[in-house]
Amino acid sequence: MRQLTVLRLVELAEGLEVPASVILGQALQRARLTLHNLVLRVDLRQLLQGDNNNYRVLFPWARNRLNSSTNGVIEVTPTGVQELAAFIGRTPAELATHLSQFTPDVPVEEVMSLPI
């Protein structure tokens, strides 16, 4: 098994023209590690197809955000997660875990960052 050093990650990211922080953040999100500290990438179309009734209250927010997104993918900051969680009556950890289920499978360069 080969190990990837931070330096090598940065070099690979530069070659891909993608910030290393985005690559690492997406990997942590997929592994569902330290979600409360991450900027979460969320595919709103996937979220709107979800069937968890506890989070249906997010649908109007997701539809509104989808209207202003070019590809349906947004980034939600930790502060945004905290505010949304307070609004819907969940803990930030619960909401971050829920949102992490909708990690997009799109190229990083297509991300539209719209902090809330």
C-alpha atoms as a PDB file:
ATOM      1  CA  MET A   1       0.000   0.000   0.000  1.00  0.00           C
ATOM      2  CA  ARG A   2       1.410   3.387  -0.988  1.00  0.00           C
ATOM      3  CA  GLN A   3       1.011   6.418   1.210  1.00  0.00           C
ATOM      4  CA  LEU A   4       0.152   9.828  -0.153  1.00  0.00           C
ATOM      5  CA  THR A   5       2.034  12.676   1.436  1.00  0.00           C
ATOM      6  CA  VAL A   6       0.512  16.121   1.789  1.00  0.00           C
ATOM      7  CA  LEU A   7       3.130  17.459  -0.606  1.00  0.00           C
ATOM      8  CA  ARG A   8       2.199  14.859  -3.228  1.00  0.00           C
ATOM      9  CA  LEU A   9      -1.508  15.646  -2.746  1.00  0.00           C
ATOM     10  CA  VAL A  10      -0.792  19.324  -3.377  1.00  0.00           C
ATOM     11  CA  GLU A  11       1.266  18.478  -6.479  1.00  0.00           C
ATOM     12  CA  LEU A  12      -1.493  16.244  -7.858  1.00  0.00           C
ATOM     13  CA  ALA A  13      -4.118  18.874  -7.118  1.00  0.00           C
ATOM     14  CA  GLU A  14      -2.068  21.509  -8.935  1.00  0.00           C
ATOM     15  CA  GLY A  15      -1.787  19.157 -11.915  1.00  0.00           C
ATOM     16  CA  LEU A  16      -5.565  18.741 -11.906  1.00  0.00           C
ATOM     17  CA  GLU A  17      -6.013  22.481 -11.382  1.00  0.00           C
ATOM     18  CA  VAL A  18      -8.166  21.782  -8.330  1.00  0.00           C
ATOM     19  CA  PRO A  19      -7.421  23.113  -4.837  1.00  0.00           C
ATOM     20  CA  ALA A  20      -6.068  20.376  -2.566  1.00  0.00           C
ATOM     21  CA  SER A  21      -8.505  21.552   0.106  1.00  0.00           C
ATOM     22  CA  VAL A  22     -11.420  20.713  -2.192  1.00  0.00           C
ATOM     23  CA  ILE A  23     -10.080  17.211  -2.874  1.00  0.00           C
ATOM     24  CA  LEU A  24      -9.453  16.560   0.804  1.00  0.00           C
ATOM     25  CA  GLY A  25     -12.798  18.058   1.818  1.00  0.00           C
ATOM     26  CA  GLN A  26     -14.672  15.869  -0.654  1.00  0.00           C
ATOM     27  CA  ALA A  27     -12.813  12.780   0.576  1.00  0.00           C
ATOM     28  CA  LEU A  28     -13.642  13.623   4.201  1.00  0.00           C
ATOM     29  CA  GLN A  29     -17.272  14.264   3.265  1.00  0.00           C
ATOM     30  CA  ARG A  30     -17.557  10.902   1.513  1.00  0.00           C
ATOM     31  CA  ALA A  31     -15.983   9.218   4.547  1.00  0.00           C
ATOM     32  CA  ARG A  32     -18.288  11.283   6.773  1.00  0.00           C
ATOM     33  CA  LEU A  33     -15.403  12.491   8.919  1.00  0.00           C
ATOM     34  CA  THR A  34     -15.285  15.858  10.700  1.00  0.00           C
ATOM     35  CA  LEU A  35     -18.461  16.928   8.916  1.00  0.00           C
ATOM     36  CA  HIS A  36     -19.123  19.735  11.360  1.00  0.00           C
ATOM     37  CA  ASN A  37     -15.929  21.493  10.184  1.00  0.00           C
ATOM     38  CA  LEU A  38     -16.323  20.989   6.441  1.00  0.00           C
ATOM     39  CA  VAL A  39     -17.754  23.054   3.651  1.00  0.00           C
ATOM     40  CA  LEU A  40     -20.199  20.444   2.376  1.00  0.00           C
ATOM     41  CA  ARG A  41     -20.779  19.995  -1.339  1.00  0.00           C
ATOM     42  CA  VAL A  42     -24.423  19.101  -1.858  1.00  0.00           C
ATOM     43  CA  ASP A  43     -26.202  17.966  -5.013  1.00  0.00           C
ATOM     44  CA  LEU A  44     -29.590  19.616  -4.602  1.00  0.00           C
ATOM     45  CA  ARG A  45     -31.260  17.358  -7.178  1.00  0.00           C
ATOM     46  CA  GLN A  46     -30.279  14.305  -5.139  1.00  0.00           C
ATOM     47  CA  LEU A  47     -31.454  15.993  -1.947  1.00  0.00           C
ATOM     48  CA  LEU A  48     -34.867  16.733  -3.497  1.00  0.00           C
ATOM     49  CA  GLN A  49     -35.250  13.058  -4.386  1.00  0.00           C
ATOM     50  CA  GLY A  50     -34.596  12.008  -0.790  1.00  0.00           C
ATOM     51  CA  ASP A  51     -37.347  10.256   1.085  1.00  0.00           C
ATOM     52  CA  ASN A  52     -36.494  11.119   4.689  1.00  0.00           C
ATOM     53  CA  ASN A  53     -39.589  12.933   5.962  1.00  0.00           C
ATOM     54  CA  ASN A  54     -37.609  14.480   8.821  1.00  0.00           C
ATOM     55  CA  TYR A  55     -35.795  16.663   6.294  1.00  0.00           C
ATOM     56  CA  ARG A  56     -38.610  17.510   3.861  1.00  0.00           C
ATOM     57  CA  VAL A  57     -38.650  20.974   5.426  1.00  0.00           C
ATOM     58  CA  LEU A  58     -35.418  21.598   3.474  1.00  0.00           C
ATOM     59  CA  PHE A  59     -37.154  21.141   0.121  1.00  0.00           C
ATOM     60  CA  PRO A  60     -38.279  24.773  -0.388  1.00  0.00           C
ATOM     61  CA  TRP A  61     -34.749  25.956   0.482  1.00  0.00           C
ATOM     62  CA  ALA A  62     -33.228  23.397  -1.901  1.00  0.00           C
ATOM     63  CA  ARG A  63     -35.626  24.344  -4.735  1.00  0.00           C
ATOM     64  CA  ASN A  64     -34.816  28.030  -4.300  1.00  0.00           C
ATOM     65  CA  ARG A  65     -31.089  27.334  -4.283  1.00  0.00           C
ATOM     66  CA  LEU A  66     -31.457  25.061  -7.305  1.00  0.00           C
ATOM     67  CA  ASN A  67     -33.012  27.941  -9.253  1.00  0.00           C
ATOM     68  CA  SER A  68     -29.846  29.997  -8.756  1.00  0.00           C
ATOM     69  CA  SER A  69     -27.387  27.163  -9.403  1.00  0.00           C
ATOM     70  CA  THR A  70     -25.982  26.331 -12.822  1.00  0.00           C
ATOM     71  CA  ASN A  71     -25.396  22.639 -12.119  1.00  0.00           C
ATOM     72  CA  GLY A  72     -27.410  21.837  -8.999  1.00  0.00           C
ATOM     73  CA  VAL A  73     -24.333  21.614  -6.777  1.00  0.00           C
ATOM     74  CA  ILE A  74     -23.764  24.095  -3.969  1.00  0.00           C
ATOM     75  CA  GLU A  75     -21.431  24.456  -1.035  1.00  0.00           C
ATOM     76  CA  VAL A  76     -22.813  24.838   2.477  1.00  0.00           C
ATOM     77  CA  THR A  77     -20.452  26.313   5.036  1.00  0.00           C
ATOM     78  CA  PRO A  78     -20.303  25.091   8.643  1.00  0.00           C
ATOM     79  CA  THR A  79     -22.080  28.300   9.670  1.00  0.00           C
ATOM     80  CA  GLY A  80     -24.753  27.607   7.068  1.00  0.00           C
ATOM     81  CA  VAL A  81     -25.255  24.109   8.459  1.00  0.00           C
ATOM     82  CA  GLN A  82     -25.606  25.556  11.962  1.00  0.00           C
ATOM     83  CA  GLU A  83     -28.216  28.083  10.825  1.00  0.00           C
ATOM     84  CA  LEU A  84     -30.221  25.557   8.807  1.00  0.00           C
ATOM     85  CA  ALA A  85     -30.080  23.064  11.666  1.00  0.00           C
ATOM     86  CA  ALA A  86     -31.415  25.662  14.104  1.00  0.00           C
ATOM     87  CA  PHE A  87     -34.191  26.533  11.653  1.00  0.00           C
ATOM     88  CA  ILE A  88     -35.356  22.937  11.204  1.00  0.00           C
ATOM     89  CA  GLY A  89     -34.823  21.842  14.810  1.00  0.00           C
ATOM     90  CA  ARG A  90     -31.901  19.457  14.281  1.00  0.00           C
ATOM     91  CA  THR A  91     -28.373  19.488  15.589  1.00  0.00           C
ATOM     92  CA  PRO A  92     -25.642  20.627  13.200  1.00  0.00           C
ATOM     93  CA  ALA A  93     -24.147  17.129  13.364  1.00  0.00           C
ATOM     94  CA  GLU A  94     -27.459  15.534  12.354  1.00  0.00           C
ATOM     95  CA  LEU A  95     -27.938  17.920   9.454  1.00  0.00           C
ATOM     96  CA  ALA A  96     -24.324  17.620   8.277  1.00  0.00           C
ATOM     97  CA  THR A  97     -24.648  13.842   8.282  1.00  0.00           C
ATOM     98  CA  HIS A  98     -27.867  14.091   6.276  1.00  0.00           C
ATOM     99  CA  LEU A  99     -26.429  16.548   3.742  1.00  0.00           C
ATOM    100  CA  SER A 100     -23.288  14.452   3.297  1.00  0.00           C
ATOM    101  CA  GLN A 101     -25.457  11.729   1.756  1.00  0.00           C
ATOM    102  CA  PHE A 102     -25.869  13.978  -1.277  1.00  0.00           C
ATOM    103  CA  THR A 103     -22.209  14.411  -2.172  1.00  0.00           C
ATOM    104  CA  PRO A 104     -22.123  15.097  -5.907  1.00  0.00           C
ATOM    105  CA  ASP A 105     -20.369  13.011  -8.493  1.00  0.00           C
ATOM    106  CA  VAL A 106     -19.535  15.986 -10.696  1.00  0.00           C
ATOM    107  CA  PRO A 107     -16.177  17.518 -11.568  1.00  0.00           C
ATOM    108  CA  VAL A 108     -14.928  19.911  -8.917  1.00  0.00           C
ATOM    109  CA  GLU A 109     -14.588  22.775 -11.374  1.00  0.00           C
ATOM    110  CA  GLU A 110     -18.358  22.778 -11.867  1.00  0.00           C
ATOM    111  CA  VAL A 111     -19.027  23.642  -8.223  1.00  0.00           C
ATOM    112  CA  MET A 112     -20.954  26.825  -7.649  1.00  0.00           C
ATOM    113  CA  SER A 113     -20.127  28.273  -4.286  1.00  0.00           C
ATOM    114  CA  LEU A 114     -23.106  30.075  -2.794  1.00  0.00           C
ATOM    115  CA  PRO A 115     -22.581  30.505   0.952  1.00  0.00           C
ATOM    116  CA  ILE A 116     -25.721  30.846   3.004  1.00  0.00           C
END
